[in-house]
Amino acid sequence: MNPKTNKKELTQFIRNNALAAGFLYCGFSKAEFLSSESSRLERWLKDQKHGEMSYMENHFDKRLDPTLLHPGTQSVITLLYNYFPSQSYPAGFEEPKISKYAWGEDYHHVIKDKLWLILDAVKRCVGDVSGRVFVDSAPVLEKEWARRSGAGWLGKNGNIIRPKVGSFFFLAELFLDVPLEYDGPIKDFCGSCTRCIDACPTDALKVPYQVDAAKCISYATIELKNELIPSSFEEKMENWIFGCDICQDVCPWNRFSAVHAEERFLPKVDWTHWLSSDWEKLTEEKFGELFNKSPLKRTKFSGLKRNISFVSYQKNQGSN
């Protein structure tokens, strides 16, 4: 059968290209208005769960309707890309920590490069096709599309969890204006487990399946642009200075996590051996050198120093 004229063949052609590019999963959903998410998103915003991320209030309709983001879209393709590193912080690590996803090069660039290759392959195969790629860079409700595509279920920690894979992966999307064969949601396997909820030091997961961003350590260390971190985070940061992996580290499903094979995600230095003194003597010049292509650029040097100072102060206070 010719992929140009057969939905099944074209769907498999795209999946094969995605797996060849290194994605660990590729699933397909019919592009349609996310009516079930409308009230949920509205309530989340109304309850100020987004903290000071005012951009979340923008483009409400586009978040729910993929055709408003890319006219003519018929199919939403969800892809997962592994970032689990070969090393982890040892138990009881008392030095400043950064989230695993930020140990190497910025995922936006790494994954978009691969998505463009897939889209180019589709265009060469089909011809006149229009598509758009997304990597956490537009008002896309990526977790809902991931759920609908069978990539995994939405866990109580707000992450997509895939059976026998875990959750240490990035989500990406490809919108196409052609019909494909579609997958469907899978079962929620969280069951009665509450490890992520119990482990969160700030109660950001008090309502299962919903993250209160205003209480989240990742929000405080990355998204919050205030000069000072709120006092509500005092003695609760657990040494995180960029992001937080607590709710993923304790998830039983992440015992299945396999080490990634992406060279661009390899760290420039071994972060598991960086001490408070290394972070505290970090200069702006060294910051630019180490994090030139890193997600840490998002905080800028001033933001990272704010986070380091807050964690160091709390640590010193606790030792007095």
C-alpha atoms as a PDB file:
ATOM      1  CA  MET A   1       0.000   0.000   0.000  1.00  0.00           C
ATOM      2  CA  ASN A   2       1.145   3.538  -0.695  1.00  0.00           C
ATOM      3  CA  PRO A   3       1.404   5.849   2.357  1.00  0.00           C
ATOM      4  CA  LYS A   4       0.215   8.653   0.113  1.00  0.00           C
ATOM      5  CA  THR A   5      -3.244   7.127  -0.168  1.00  0.00           C
ATOM      6  CA  ASN A   6      -3.575   4.816   2.837  1.00  0.00           C
ATOM      7  CA  LYS A   7      -4.121   6.068   6.398  1.00  0.00           C
ATOM      8  CA  LYS A   8      -2.799   2.906   7.995  1.00  0.00           C
ATOM      9  CA  GLU A   9       0.402   2.934   5.979  1.00  0.00           C
ATOM     10  CA  LEU A  10       0.988   6.648   6.541  1.00  0.00           C
ATOM     11  CA  THR A  11       0.426   6.269  10.276  1.00  0.00           C
ATOM     12  CA  GLN A  12       2.981   3.452  10.416  1.00  0.00           C
ATOM     13  CA  PHE A  13       5.384   5.445   8.219  1.00  0.00           C
ATOM     14  CA  ILE A  14       5.287   8.330  10.707  1.00  0.00           C
ATOM     15  CA  ARG A  15       5.677   5.989  13.678  1.00  0.00           C
ATOM     16  CA  ASN A  16       8.685   4.281  12.085  1.00  0.00           C
ATOM     17  CA  ASN A  17      10.355   7.619  11.414  1.00  0.00           C
ATOM     18  CA  ALA A  18       9.718   8.755  14.986  1.00  0.00           C
ATOM     19  CA  LEU A  19      11.224   5.603  16.482  1.00  0.00           C
ATOM     20  CA  ALA A  20      14.197   5.856  14.115  1.00  0.00           C
ATOM     21  CA  ALA A  21      14.734   9.434  15.336  1.00  0.00           C
ATOM     22  CA  GLY A  22      15.016   8.152  18.910  1.00  0.00           C
ATOM     23  CA  PHE A  23      11.536   8.798  20.287  1.00  0.00           C
ATOM     24  CA  LEU A  24      10.385   6.093  22.680  1.00  0.00           C
ATOM     25  CA  TYR A  25       6.717   6.426  21.745  1.00  0.00           C
ATOM     26  CA  CYS A  26       4.593   7.917  18.970  1.00  0.00           C
ATOM     27  CA  GLY A  27       0.804   8.045  19.332  1.00  0.00           C
ATOM     28  CA  PHE A  28      -2.033   9.555  17.316  1.00  0.00           C
ATOM     29  CA  SER A  29      -5.193  11.470  18.212  1.00  0.00           C
ATOM     30  CA  LYS A  30      -7.967  13.014  16.175  1.00  0.00           C
ATOM     31  CA  ALA A  31      -7.761  16.796  16.320  1.00  0.00           C
ATOM     32  CA  GLU A  32     -10.906  18.073  17.999  1.00  0.00           C
ATOM     33  CA  PHE A  33     -12.102  20.626  20.513  1.00  0.00           C
ATOM     34  CA  LEU A  34     -11.138  19.536  24.041  1.00  0.00           C
ATOM     35  CA  SER A  35     -14.531  20.177  25.578  1.00  0.00           C
ATOM     36  CA  SER A  36     -13.806  18.004  28.626  1.00  0.00           C
ATOM     37  CA  GLU A  37     -10.804  20.172  29.487  1.00  0.00           C
ATOM     38  CA  SER A  38     -12.523  23.531  29.173  1.00  0.00           C
ATOM     39  CA  SER A  39     -14.119  23.656  32.627  1.00  0.00           C
ATOM     40  CA  ARG A  40     -11.091  22.041  34.252  1.00  0.00           C
ATOM     41  CA  LEU A  41      -8.698  24.628  32.828  1.00  0.00           C
ATOM     42  CA  GLU A  42     -11.055  27.474  33.666  1.00  0.00           C
ATOM     43  CA  ARG A  43     -11.355  26.307  37.283  1.00  0.00           C
ATOM     44  CA  TRP A  44      -7.572  25.845  37.617  1.00  0.00           C
ATOM     45  CA  LEU A  45      -7.001  29.406  36.442  1.00  0.00           C
ATOM     46  CA  LYS A  46      -9.819  30.825  38.568  1.00  0.00           C
ATOM     47  CA  ASP A  47      -8.341  29.171  41.661  1.00  0.00           C
ATOM     48  CA  GLN A  48      -4.983  30.830  40.896  1.00  0.00           C
ATOM     49  CA  LYS A  49      -3.219  27.474  40.658  1.00  0.00           C
ATOM     50  CA  HIS A  50      -0.980  28.961  37.971  1.00  0.00           C
ATOM     51  CA  GLY A  51       0.569  31.421  40.424  1.00  0.00           C
ATOM     52  CA  GLU A  52       2.074  34.380  38.591  1.00  0.00           C
ATOM     53  CA  MET A  53       2.323  32.618  35.241  1.00  0.00           C
ATOM     54  CA  SER A  54      -0.074  35.090  33.666  1.00  0.00           C
ATOM     55  CA  TYR A  55       0.659  33.733  30.195  1.00  0.00           C
ATOM     56  CA  MET A  56      -1.443  30.696  31.128  1.00  0.00           C
ATOM     57  CA  GLU A  57      -4.488  32.949  30.982  1.00  0.00           C
ATOM     58  CA  ASN A  58      -3.746  33.855  27.370  1.00  0.00           C
ATOM     59  CA  HIS A  59      -5.036  32.016  24.289  1.00  0.00           C
ATOM     60  CA  PHE A  60      -7.653  30.061  26.221  1.00  0.00           C
ATOM     61  CA  ASP A  61      -9.473  29.006  23.039  1.00  0.00           C
ATOM     62  CA  LYS A  62      -6.254  27.973  21.292  1.00  0.00           C
ATOM     63  CA  ARG A  63      -5.370  25.662  24.175  1.00  0.00           C
ATOM     64  CA  LEU A  64      -8.617  23.809  23.588  1.00  0.00           C
ATOM     65  CA  ASP A  65      -8.842  23.841  19.797  1.00  0.00           C
ATOM     66  CA  PRO A  66      -5.804  22.676  17.761  1.00  0.00           C
ATOM     67  CA  THR A  67      -7.256  24.094  14.542  1.00  0.00           C
ATOM     68  CA  LEU A  68      -6.878  27.597  15.972  1.00  0.00           C
ATOM     69  CA  LEU A  69      -3.159  26.984  16.431  1.00  0.00           C
ATOM     70  CA  HIS A  70      -2.714  25.428  13.008  1.00  0.00           C
ATOM     71  CA  PRO A  71      -5.668  25.808  10.625  1.00  0.00           C
ATOM     72  CA  GLY A  72      -6.715  22.599   8.941  1.00  0.00           C
ATOM     73  CA  THR A  73      -5.219  20.303  11.565  1.00  0.00           C
ATOM     74  CA  GLN A  74      -6.840  16.864  11.468  1.00  0.00           C
ATOM     75  CA  SER A  75      -4.353  14.821  13.511  1.00  0.00           C
ATOM     76  CA  VAL A  76      -2.326  15.452  16.669  1.00  0.00           C
ATOM     77  CA  ILE A  77       0.757  13.256  17.013  1.00  0.00           C
ATOM     78  CA  THR A  78       2.295  12.906  20.479  1.00  0.00           C
ATOM     79  CA  LEU A  79       5.909  11.849  20.889  1.00  0.00           C
ATOM     80  CA  LEU A  80       7.914  10.961  23.991  1.00  0.00           C
ATOM     81  CA  TYR A  81      11.667  11.519  24.288  1.00  0.00           C
ATOM     82  CA  ASN A  82      13.659   9.989  27.139  1.00  0.00           C
ATOM     83  CA  TYR A  83      15.977  12.118  29.294  1.00  0.00           C
ATOM     84  CA  PHE A  84      16.741   9.827  32.234  1.00  0.00           C
ATOM     85  CA  PRO A  85      20.482  10.188  33.008  1.00  0.00           C
ATOM     86  CA  SER A  86      23.002   7.496  33.882  1.00  0.00           C
ATOM     87  CA  GLN A  87      23.668   9.051  37.289  1.00  0.00           C
ATOM     88  CA  SER A  88      21.397  10.337  40.018  1.00  0.00           C
ATOM     89  CA  TYR A  89      21.856  12.283  43.200  1.00  0.00           C
ATOM     90  CA  PRO A  90      22.646   9.844  46.012  1.00  0.00           C
ATOM     91  CA  ALA A  91      20.184   9.410  48.862  1.00  0.00           C
ATOM     92  CA  GLY A  92      20.584  12.133  51.463  1.00  0.00           C
ATOM     93  CA  PHE A  93      22.454  14.464  49.063  1.00  0.00           C
ATOM     94  CA  GLU A  94      22.686  17.789  50.918  1.00  0.00           C
ATOM     95  CA  GLU A  95      24.139  19.997  48.179  1.00  0.00           C
ATOM     96  CA  PRO A  96      22.246  22.202  45.683  1.00  0.00           C
ATOM     97  CA  LYS A  97      20.404  20.167  43.039  1.00  0.00           C
ATOM     98  CA  ILE A  98      19.032  20.774  39.559  1.00  0.00           C
ATOM     99  CA  SER A  99      16.329  18.726  37.862  1.00  0.00           C
ATOM    100  CA  LYS A 100      17.498  15.841  35.671  1.00  0.00           C
ATOM    101  CA  TYR A 101      15.876  17.311  32.586  1.00  0.00           C
ATOM    102  CA  ALA A 102      18.256  20.281  32.750  1.00  0.00           C
ATOM    103  CA  TRP A 103      21.546  18.410  33.026  1.00  0.00           C
ATOM    104  CA  GLY A 104      22.364  18.723  29.332  1.00  0.00           C
ATOM    105  CA  GLU A 105      21.413  20.821  26.317  1.00  0.00           C
ATOM    106  CA  ASP A 106      18.026  22.534  26.186  1.00  0.00           C
ATOM    107  CA  TYR A 107      15.445  19.965  25.108  1.00  0.00           C
ATOM    108  CA  HIS A 108      13.531  22.491  23.006  1.00  0.00           C
ATOM    109  CA  HIS A 109      16.341  22.604  20.442  1.00  0.00           C
ATOM    110  CA  VAL A 110      17.220  18.912  20.581  1.00  0.00           C
ATOM    111  CA  ILE A 111      13.683  17.658  20.048  1.00  0.00           C
ATOM    112  CA  LYS A 112      12.563  20.283  17.540  1.00  0.00           C
ATOM    113  CA  ASP A 113      15.456  19.308  15.284  1.00  0.00           C
ATOM    114  CA  LYS A 114      14.103  15.742  15.272  1.00  0.00           C
ATOM    115  CA  LEU A 115      10.502  16.823  14.745  1.00  0.00           C
ATOM    116  CA  TRP A 116      11.446  18.811  11.660  1.00  0.00           C
ATOM    117  CA  LEU A 117      13.132  15.709  10.236  1.00  0.00           C
ATOM    118  CA  ILE A 118       9.906  13.733  10.714  1.00  0.00           C
ATOM    119  CA  LEU A 119       7.778  16.466   9.159  1.00  0.00           C
ATOM    120  CA  ASP A 120      10.165  16.709   6.194  1.00  0.00           C
ATOM    121  CA  ALA A 121       9.947  12.943   5.715  1.00  0.00           C
ATOM    122  CA  VAL A 122       6.135  13.134   5.694  1.00  0.00           C
ATOM    123  CA  LYS A 123       6.206  15.940   3.138  1.00  0.00           C
ATOM    124  CA  ARG A 124       8.561  13.968   0.906  1.00  0.00           C
ATOM    125  CA  CYS A 125       6.257  10.974   1.185  1.00  0.00           C
ATOM    126  CA  VAL A 126       2.876  12.648   0.860  1.00  0.00           C
ATOM    127  CA  GLY A 127       3.666  15.868  -0.905  1.00  0.00           C
ATOM    128  CA  ASP A 128       1.224  18.672  -0.206  1.00  0.00           C
ATOM    129  CA  VAL A 129       0.832  18.405   3.574  1.00  0.00           C
ATOM    130  CA  SER A 130       0.863  21.145   6.182  1.00  0.00           C
ATOM    131  CA  GLY A 131       2.157  20.639   9.693  1.00  0.00           C
ATOM    132  CA  ARG A 132       3.490  22.385  12.766  1.00  0.00           C
ATOM    133  CA  VAL A 133       5.771  21.132  15.528  1.00  0.00           C
ATOM    134  CA  PHE A 134       5.587  21.937  19.245  1.00  0.00           C
ATOM    135  CA  VAL A 135       7.921  21.345  22.170  1.00  0.00           C
ATOM    136  CA  ASP A 136       6.499  23.096  25.212  1.00  0.00           C
ATOM    137  CA  SER A 137       6.513  26.295  23.178  1.00  0.00           C
ATOM    138  CA  ALA A 138       2.878  27.155  22.457  1.00  0.00           C
ATOM    139  CA  PRO A 139      -0.550  26.978  24.150  1.00  0.00           C
ATOM    140  CA  VAL A 140      -0.935  23.215  23.661  1.00  0.00           C
ATOM    141  CA  LEU A 141      -2.537  21.025  26.344  1.00  0.00           C
ATOM    142  CA  GLU A 142       0.150  18.446  25.721  1.00  0.00           C
ATOM    143  CA  LYS A 143      -0.696  16.158  28.642  1.00  0.00           C
ATOM    144  CA  GLU A 144      -4.268  15.737  27.469  1.00  0.00           C
ATOM    145  CA  TRP A 145      -3.146  14.964  23.930  1.00  0.00           C
ATOM    146  CA  ALA A 146      -0.605  12.511  25.345  1.00  0.00           C
ATOM    147  CA  ARG A 147      -3.334  10.817  27.372  1.00  0.00           C
ATOM    148  CA  ARG A 148      -5.640  10.588  24.367  1.00  0.00           C
ATOM    149  CA  SER A 149      -2.892   9.115  22.205  1.00  0.00           C
ATOM    150  CA  GLY A 150      -2.198   6.266  24.632  1.00  0.00           C
ATOM    151  CA  ALA A 151       1.225   7.620  25.586  1.00  0.00           C
ATOM    152  CA  GLY A 152       0.384   7.048  29.236  1.00  0.00           C
ATOM    153  CA  TRP A 153      -2.019   8.108  31.947  1.00  0.00           C
ATOM    154  CA  LEU A 154      -2.060  11.372  33.892  1.00  0.00           C
ATOM    155  CA  GLY A 155      -0.554  10.532  37.261  1.00  0.00           C
ATOM    156  CA  LYS A 156      -1.427  11.972  40.642  1.00  0.00           C
ATOM    157  CA  ASN A 157       1.762  14.057  40.389  1.00  0.00           C
ATOM    158  CA  GLY A 158       0.482  15.750  37.238  1.00  0.00           C
ATOM    159  CA  ASN A 159       2.944  13.932  34.956  1.00  0.00           C
ATOM    160  CA  ILE A 160       2.197  11.532  32.143  1.00  0.00           C
ATOM    161  CA  ILE A 161       3.306   8.058  33.259  1.00  0.00           C
ATOM    162  CA  ARG A 162       3.878   5.235  30.804  1.00  0.00           C
ATOM    163  CA  PRO A 163       3.740   1.583  31.909  1.00  0.00           C
ATOM    164  CA  LYS A 164       7.182  -0.006  32.309  1.00  0.00           C
ATOM    165  CA  VAL A 165       8.789   3.289  31.248  1.00  0.00           C
ATOM    166  CA  GLY A 166       7.983   5.807  33.974  1.00  0.00           C
ATOM    167  CA  SER A 167       7.796   9.563  33.453  1.00  0.00           C
ATOM    168  CA  PHE A 168      11.308  10.864  32.812  1.00  0.00           C
ATOM    169  CA  PHE A 169      10.583  11.937  29.248  1.00  0.00           C
ATOM    170  CA  PHE A 170       9.691  15.069  27.333  1.00  0.00           C
ATOM    171  CA  LEU A 171       6.414  15.536  25.465  1.00  0.00           C
ATOM    172  CA  ALA A 172       6.316  16.875  21.921  1.00  0.00           C
ATOM    173  CA  GLU A 173       3.577  17.273  19.328  1.00  0.00           C
ATOM    174  CA  LEU A 174       3.220  17.342  15.584  1.00  0.00           C
ATOM    175  CA  PHE A 175       0.023  18.770  14.104  1.00  0.00           C
ATOM    176  CA  LEU A 176      -0.837  17.552  10.597  1.00  0.00           C
ATOM    177  CA  ASP A 177      -3.658  18.399   8.196  1.00  0.00           C
ATOM    178  CA  VAL A 178      -4.151  14.783   7.121  1.00  0.00           C
ATOM    179  CA  PRO A 179      -6.310  12.035   8.688  1.00  0.00           C
ATOM    180  CA  LEU A 180      -4.524   9.107  10.328  1.00  0.00           C
ATOM    181  CA  GLU A 181      -5.378   6.000  12.349  1.00  0.00           C
ATOM    182  CA  TYR A 182      -5.895   6.991  15.967  1.00  0.00           C
ATOM    183  CA  ASP A 183      -4.967   5.453  19.285  1.00  0.00           C
ATOM    184  CA  GLY A 184      -6.948   5.734  22.512  1.00  0.00           C
ATOM    185  CA  PRO A 185      -6.361   6.320  26.236  1.00  0.00           C
ATOM    186  CA  ILE A 186      -4.983   3.607  28.493  1.00  0.00           C
ATOM    187  CA  LYS A 187      -5.887   2.701  32.060  1.00  0.00           C
ATOM    188  CA  ASP A 188      -4.808   4.784  35.059  1.00  0.00           C
ATOM    189  CA  PHE A 189      -2.405   2.601  37.036  1.00  0.00           C
ATOM    190  CA  CYS A 190      -1.784   4.942  39.987  1.00  0.00           C
ATOM    191  CA  GLY A 191      -4.276   2.943  42.017  1.00  0.00           C
ATOM    192  CA  SER A 192      -4.238   3.758  45.734  1.00  0.00           C
ATOM    193  CA  CYS A 193      -0.592   4.903  45.685  1.00  0.00           C
ATOM    194  CA  THR A 194       0.023   8.361  47.189  1.00  0.00           C
ATOM    195  CA  ARG A 195       3.819   8.394  47.347  1.00  0.00           C
ATOM    196  CA  CYS A 196       4.159  11.553  45.254  1.00  0.00           C
ATOM    197  CA  ILE A 197       1.535  13.386  47.301  1.00  0.00           C
ATOM    198  CA  ASP A 198       3.114  12.314  50.586  1.00  0.00           C
ATOM    199  CA  ALA A 199       6.642  13.201  49.463  1.00  0.00           C
ATOM    200  CA  CYS A 200       5.927  16.719  48.159  1.00  0.00           C
ATOM    201  CA  PRO A 201       7.309  19.061  50.850  1.00  0.00           C
ATOM    202  CA  THR A 202       5.138  22.011  49.798  1.00  0.00           C
ATOM    203  CA  ASP A 203       1.745  20.271  49.385  1.00  0.00           C
ATOM    204  CA  ALA A 204       1.670  21.224  45.708  1.00  0.00           C
ATOM    205  CA  LEU A 205      -0.055  17.891  44.987  1.00  0.00           C
ATOM    206  CA  LYS A 206      -2.655  18.084  47.719  1.00  0.00           C
ATOM    207  CA  VAL A 207      -5.355  17.667  45.086  1.00  0.00           C
ATOM    208  CA  PRO A 208      -4.419  14.481  43.182  1.00  0.00           C
ATOM    209  CA  TYR A 209      -3.895  14.799  39.408  1.00  0.00           C
ATOM    210  CA  GLN A 210      -3.594  18.578  39.713  1.00  0.00           C
ATOM    211  CA  VAL A 211      -0.451  20.595  40.411  1.00  0.00           C
ATOM    212  CA  ASP A 212      -0.810  23.788  42.428  1.00  0.00           C
ATOM    213  CA  ALA A 213       1.971  25.616  40.595  1.00  0.00           C
ATOM    214  CA  ALA A 214       2.066  28.428  43.131  1.00  0.00           C
ATOM    215  CA  LYS A 215       3.276  25.882  45.713  1.00  0.00           C
ATOM    216  CA  CYS A 216       5.591  23.927  43.419  1.00  0.00           C
ATOM    217  CA  ILE A 217       9.381  24.094  43.887  1.00  0.00           C
ATOM    218  CA  SER A 218       9.881  24.010  40.116  1.00  0.00           C
ATOM    219  CA  TYR A 219       7.642  27.055  39.790  1.00  0.00           C
ATOM    220  CA  ALA A 220       9.489  28.909  42.552  1.00  0.00           C
ATOM    221  CA  THR A 221      12.924  28.227  41.075  1.00  0.00           C
ATOM    222  CA  ILE A 222      12.125  28.687  37.377  1.00  0.00           C
ATOM    223  CA  GLU A 223       8.867  30.474  36.608  1.00  0.00           C
ATOM    224  CA  LEU A 224       8.732  32.913  39.508  1.00  0.00           C
ATOM    225  CA  LYS A 225      10.619  36.067  38.516  1.00  0.00           C
ATOM    226  CA  ASN A 226      10.315  37.898  41.833  1.00  0.00           C
ATOM    227  CA  GLU A 227      13.451  39.210  43.475  1.00  0.00           C
ATOM    228  CA  LEU A 228      12.788  36.993  46.479  1.00  0.00           C
ATOM    229  CA  ILE A 229      11.376  33.492  46.864  1.00  0.00           C
ATOM    230  CA  PRO A 230       8.261  33.592  49.108  1.00  0.00           C
ATOM    231  CA  SER A 231       8.725  32.739  52.766  1.00  0.00           C
ATOM    232  CA  SER A 232       6.188  29.914  52.340  1.00  0.00           C
ATOM    233  CA  PHE A 233       9.030  27.893  50.760  1.00  0.00           C
ATOM    234  CA  GLU A 234      11.321  28.261  53.755  1.00  0.00           C
ATOM    235  CA  GLU A 235      12.694  24.918  54.996  1.00  0.00           C
ATOM    236  CA  LYS A 236      10.851  23.114  52.175  1.00  0.00           C
ATOM    237  CA  MET A 237      13.181  23.419  49.179  1.00  0.00           C
ATOM    238  CA  GLU A 238      15.218  20.301  49.953  1.00  0.00           C
ATOM    239  CA  ASN A 239      18.213  21.941  48.206  1.00  0.00           C
ATOM    240  CA  TRP A 240      16.573  22.291  44.786  1.00  0.00           C
ATOM    241  CA  ILE A 241      17.868  25.369  42.939  1.00  0.00           C
ATOM    242  CA  PHE A 242      16.376  24.632  39.493  1.00  0.00           C
ATOM    243  CA  GLY A 243      13.315  22.464  39.136  1.00  0.00           C
ATOM    244  CA  CYS A 244      12.458  19.502  41.358  1.00  0.00           C
ATOM    245  CA  ASP A 245      12.315  15.738  40.813  1.00  0.00           C
ATOM    246  CA  ILE A 246      10.842  14.621  44.133  1.00  0.00           C
ATOM    247  CA  CYS A 247       7.438  13.501  42.863  1.00  0.00           C
ATOM    248  CA  GLN A 248       9.062  11.541  40.044  1.00  0.00           C
ATOM    249  CA  ASP A 249      11.893  10.052  42.091  1.00  0.00           C
ATOM    250  CA  VAL A 250       9.420   8.463  44.517  1.00  0.00           C
ATOM    251  CA  CYS A 251       7.059   7.153  41.824  1.00  0.00           C
ATOM    252  CA  PRO A 252       7.196   3.336  41.719  1.00  0.00           C
ATOM    253  CA  TRP A 253       6.841   3.355  37.938  1.00  0.00           C
ATOM    254  CA  ASN A 254      10.182   5.101  37.543  1.00  0.00           C
ATOM    255  CA  ARG A 255      11.982   1.966  38.647  1.00  0.00           C
ATOM    256  CA  PHE A 256      11.599   1.076  34.971  1.00  0.00           C
ATOM    257  CA  SER A 257      13.445   4.195  33.782  1.00  0.00           C
ATOM    258  CA  ALA A 258      16.170   3.390  31.254  1.00  0.00           C
ATOM    259  CA  VAL A 259      19.197   5.592  30.563  1.00  0.00           C
ATOM    260  CA  HIS A 260      18.761   7.895  27.565  1.00  0.00           C
ATOM    261  CA  ALA A 261      20.952   7.626  24.460  1.00  0.00           C
ATOM    262  CA  GLU A 262      21.004  11.327  23.539  1.00  0.00           C
ATOM    263  CA  GLU A 263      24.546  12.771  23.429  1.00  0.00           C
ATOM    264  CA  ARG A 264      23.218  16.320  23.582  1.00  0.00           C
ATOM    265  CA  PHE A 265      21.685  15.585  26.989  1.00  0.00           C
ATOM    266  CA  LEU A 266      25.034  14.601  28.501  1.00  0.00           C
ATOM    267  CA  PRO A 267      26.072  17.086  31.219  1.00  0.00           C
ATOM    268  CA  LYS A 268      29.164  19.252  30.847  1.00  0.00           C
ATOM    269  CA  VAL A 269      30.058  18.440  34.434  1.00  0.00           C
ATOM    270  CA  ASP A 270      28.935  15.821  36.924  1.00  0.00           C
ATOM    271  CA  TRP A 271      26.227  17.697  38.823  1.00  0.00           C
ATOM    272  CA  THR A 272      26.074  14.934  41.430  1.00  0.00           C
ATOM    273  CA  HIS A 273      29.514  16.046  42.621  1.00  0.00           C
ATOM    274  CA  TRP A 274      28.985  19.801  42.634  1.00  0.00           C
ATOM    275  CA  LEU A 275      29.066  21.233  46.138  1.00  0.00           C
ATOM    276  CA  SER A 276      27.533  24.351  47.658  1.00  0.00           C
ATOM    277  CA  SER A 277      30.925  26.040  47.332  1.00  0.00           C
ATOM    278  CA  ASP A 278      30.981  25.356  43.575  1.00  0.00           C
ATOM    279  CA  TRP A 279      27.559  26.929  43.119  1.00  0.00           C
ATOM    280  CA  GLU A 280      28.230  29.875  45.410  1.00  0.00           C
ATOM    281  CA  LYS A 281      31.428  30.886  43.613  1.00  0.00           C
ATOM    282  CA  LEU A 282      29.749  30.640  40.193  1.00  0.00           C
ATOM    283  CA  THR A 283      30.431  33.827  38.221  1.00  0.00           C
ATOM    284  CA  GLU A 284      28.308  35.284  35.452  1.00  0.00           C
ATOM    285  CA  GLU A 285      31.065  34.453  32.966  1.00  0.00           C
ATOM    286  CA  LYS A 286      31.202  30.833  34.115  1.00  0.00           C
ATOM    287  CA  PHE A 287      27.392  30.681  34.064  1.00  0.00           C
ATOM    288  CA  GLY A 288      27.434  31.732  30.413  1.00  0.00           C
ATOM    289  CA  GLU A 289      30.045  29.111  29.611  1.00  0.00           C
ATOM    290  CA  LEU A 290      28.386  26.198  31.425  1.00  0.00           C
ATOM    291  CA  PHE A 291      24.779  26.986  30.527  1.00  0.00           C
ATOM    292  CA  ASN A 292      25.104  28.457  27.047  1.00  0.00           C
ATOM    293  CA  LYS A 293      22.674  25.911  25.589  1.00  0.00           C
ATOM    294  CA  SER A 294      21.061  24.847  28.846  1.00  0.00           C
ATOM    295  CA  PRO A 295      17.515  25.191  30.204  1.00  0.00           C
ATOM    296  CA  LEU A 296      19.115  27.043  33.143  1.00  0.00           C
ATOM    297  CA  LYS A 297      19.432  30.097  30.917  1.00  0.00           C
ATOM    298  CA  ARG A 298      15.740  30.564  31.600  1.00  0.00           C
ATOM    299  CA  THR A 299      16.435  31.780  35.132  1.00  0.00           C
ATOM    300  CA  LYS A 300      19.322  33.970  33.999  1.00  0.00           C
ATOM    301  CA  PHE A 301      22.349  34.330  36.252  1.00  0.00           C
ATOM    302  CA  SER A 302      20.508  36.582  38.694  1.00  0.00           C
ATOM    303  CA  GLY A 303      17.650  34.102  39.118  1.00  0.00           C
ATOM    304  CA  LEU A 304      19.952  31.159  39.733  1.00  0.00           C
ATOM    305  CA  LYS A 305      21.968  33.152  42.285  1.00  0.00           C
ATOM    306  CA  ARG A 306      18.699  34.044  44.037  1.00  0.00           C
ATOM    307  CA  ASN A 307      17.830  30.353  44.272  1.00  0.00           C
ATOM    308  CA  ILE A 308      21.305  29.394  45.488  1.00  0.00           C
ATOM    309  CA  SER A 309      21.244  32.093  48.136  1.00  0.00           C
ATOM    310  CA  PHE A 310      17.811  31.039  49.373  1.00  0.00           C
ATOM    311  CA  VAL A 311      18.796  27.379  49.687  1.00  0.00           C
ATOM    312  CA  SER A 312      22.154  28.203  51.283  1.00  0.00           C
ATOM    313  CA  TYR A 313      20.539  30.524  53.811  1.00  0.00           C
ATOM    314  CA  GLN A 314      17.991  27.889  54.777  1.00  0.00           C
ATOM    315  CA  LYS A 315      20.734  25.294  55.105  1.00  0.00           C
ATOM    316  CA  ASN A 316      22.813  27.554  57.322  1.00  0.00           C
ATOM    317  CA  GLN A 317      19.819  28.406  59.454  1.00  0.00           C
ATOM    318  CA  GLY A 318      19.123  24.736  59.981  1.00  0.00           C
ATOM    319  CA  SER A 319      22.667  24.037  61.086  1.00  0.00           C
ATOM    320  CA  ASN A 320      22.641  26.808  63.701  1.00  0.00           C
END
